[in-house]
Amino acid sequence: MISNYTVSGMTCGHCVSHVTEEVSALKGVDDVVVTLDDGKMVITSAEPVDFDAVREAVSEAGDYQVSLA
């Protein structure tokens, strides 16, 4: 399953790394690809990942907001 999100508030590669690390740690997440230029985040998982868990993980990474794309 592929889920698309938009993350706002990222300003550099470190931001991308932090978001990727936190979201990758969520149960069921197989892969995460985050791009700085457009703020896109693509999560690959076998089952749907709870949006609240994604939002909390992104928040843990820093002062970023996530929305469904």
Protein backbone atom coordinates (compact mmCIF):
# COMPACT_ATOMS: atom_id res chain seq x y z
CA MET A 1 0.00 0.00 0.00
CA ILE A 2 1.30 3.45 -0.88
CA SER A 3 0.10 6.52 1.02
CA ASN A 4 0.88 10.10 -0.01
CA TYR A 5 1.24 13.03 2.38
CA THR A 6 2.49 16.59 2.36
CA VAL A 7 4.83 17.78 5.11
CA SER A 8 5.22 21.53 5.60
CA GLY A 9 7.82 23.37 7.64
CA MET A 10 10.91 21.50 6.46
CA THR A 11 13.80 23.76 5.47
CA CYS A 12 16.83 21.49 4.98
CA GLY A 13 18.14 17.98 4.59
CA HIS A 14 18.30 17.51 8.35
CA CYS A 15 14.54 18.11 8.50
CA VAL A 16 14.00 15.42 5.87
CA SER A 17 16.24 13.01 7.81
CA HIS A 18 14.40 13.59 11.09
CA VAL A 19 10.96 13.11 9.51
CA THR A 20 12.13 10.00 7.65
CA GLU A 21 13.62 8.50 10.82
CA GLU A 22 10.53 9.09 12.99
CA VAL A 23 8.02 7.87 10.40
CA SER A 24 10.16 4.84 9.51
CA ALA A 25 9.94 3.72 13.14
CA LEU A 26 6.14 3.39 12.99
CA LYS A 27 4.75 -0.13 13.15
CA GLY A 28 3.98 -1.51 9.72
CA VAL A 29 5.97 1.06 7.73
CA ASP A 30 8.18 -0.63 5.13
CA ASP A 31 9.62 2.46 3.43
CA VAL A 32 9.43 6.25 3.62
CA VAL A 33 10.52 8.71 0.95
CA VAL A 34 10.48 12.43 1.83
CA THR A 35 11.42 15.17 -0.62
CA LEU A 36 12.36 18.65 0.57
CA ASP A 37 11.49 20.62 -2.58
CA ASP A 38 7.79 19.81 -2.66
CA GLY A 39 7.29 18.44 0.87
CA LYS A 40 5.96 15.15 -0.43
CA MET A 41 6.14 12.06 1.77
CA VAL A 42 5.34 8.62 0.42
CA ILE A 43 4.87 5.77 2.90
CA THR A 44 4.92 2.17 1.73
CA SER A 45 3.29 -0.37 4.04
CA ALA A 46 1.47 -3.69 3.89
CA GLU A 47 -1.53 -2.29 5.78
CA PRO A 48 -2.84 1.27 6.19
CA VAL A 49 -0.88 3.31 8.74
CA ASP A 50 -3.01 5.32 11.17
CA PHE A 51 -2.91 9.02 10.23
CA ASP A 52 -2.77 10.10 13.89
CA ALA A 53 0.37 7.99 14.33
CA VAL A 54 1.91 9.59 11.24
CA ARG A 55 1.00 13.06 12.51
CA GLU A 56 2.54 12.31 15.93
CA ALA A 57 5.74 10.94 14.35
CA VAL A 58 6.12 14.02 12.13
CA SER A 59 5.53 16.25 15.15
CA GLU A 60 8.18 14.33 17.11
CA ALA A 61 10.65 15.04 14.30
CA GLY A 62 10.27 18.81 14.70
CA ASP A 63 7.94 21.73 14.14
CA TYR A 64 6.34 20.27 11.02
CA GLN A 65 2.77 19.71 9.91
CA VAL A 66 1.49 16.80 7.82
CA SER A 67 -1.63 16.50 5.69
CA LEU A 68 -3.02 13.94 3.29
CA ALA A 69 -1.94 14.67 -0.27
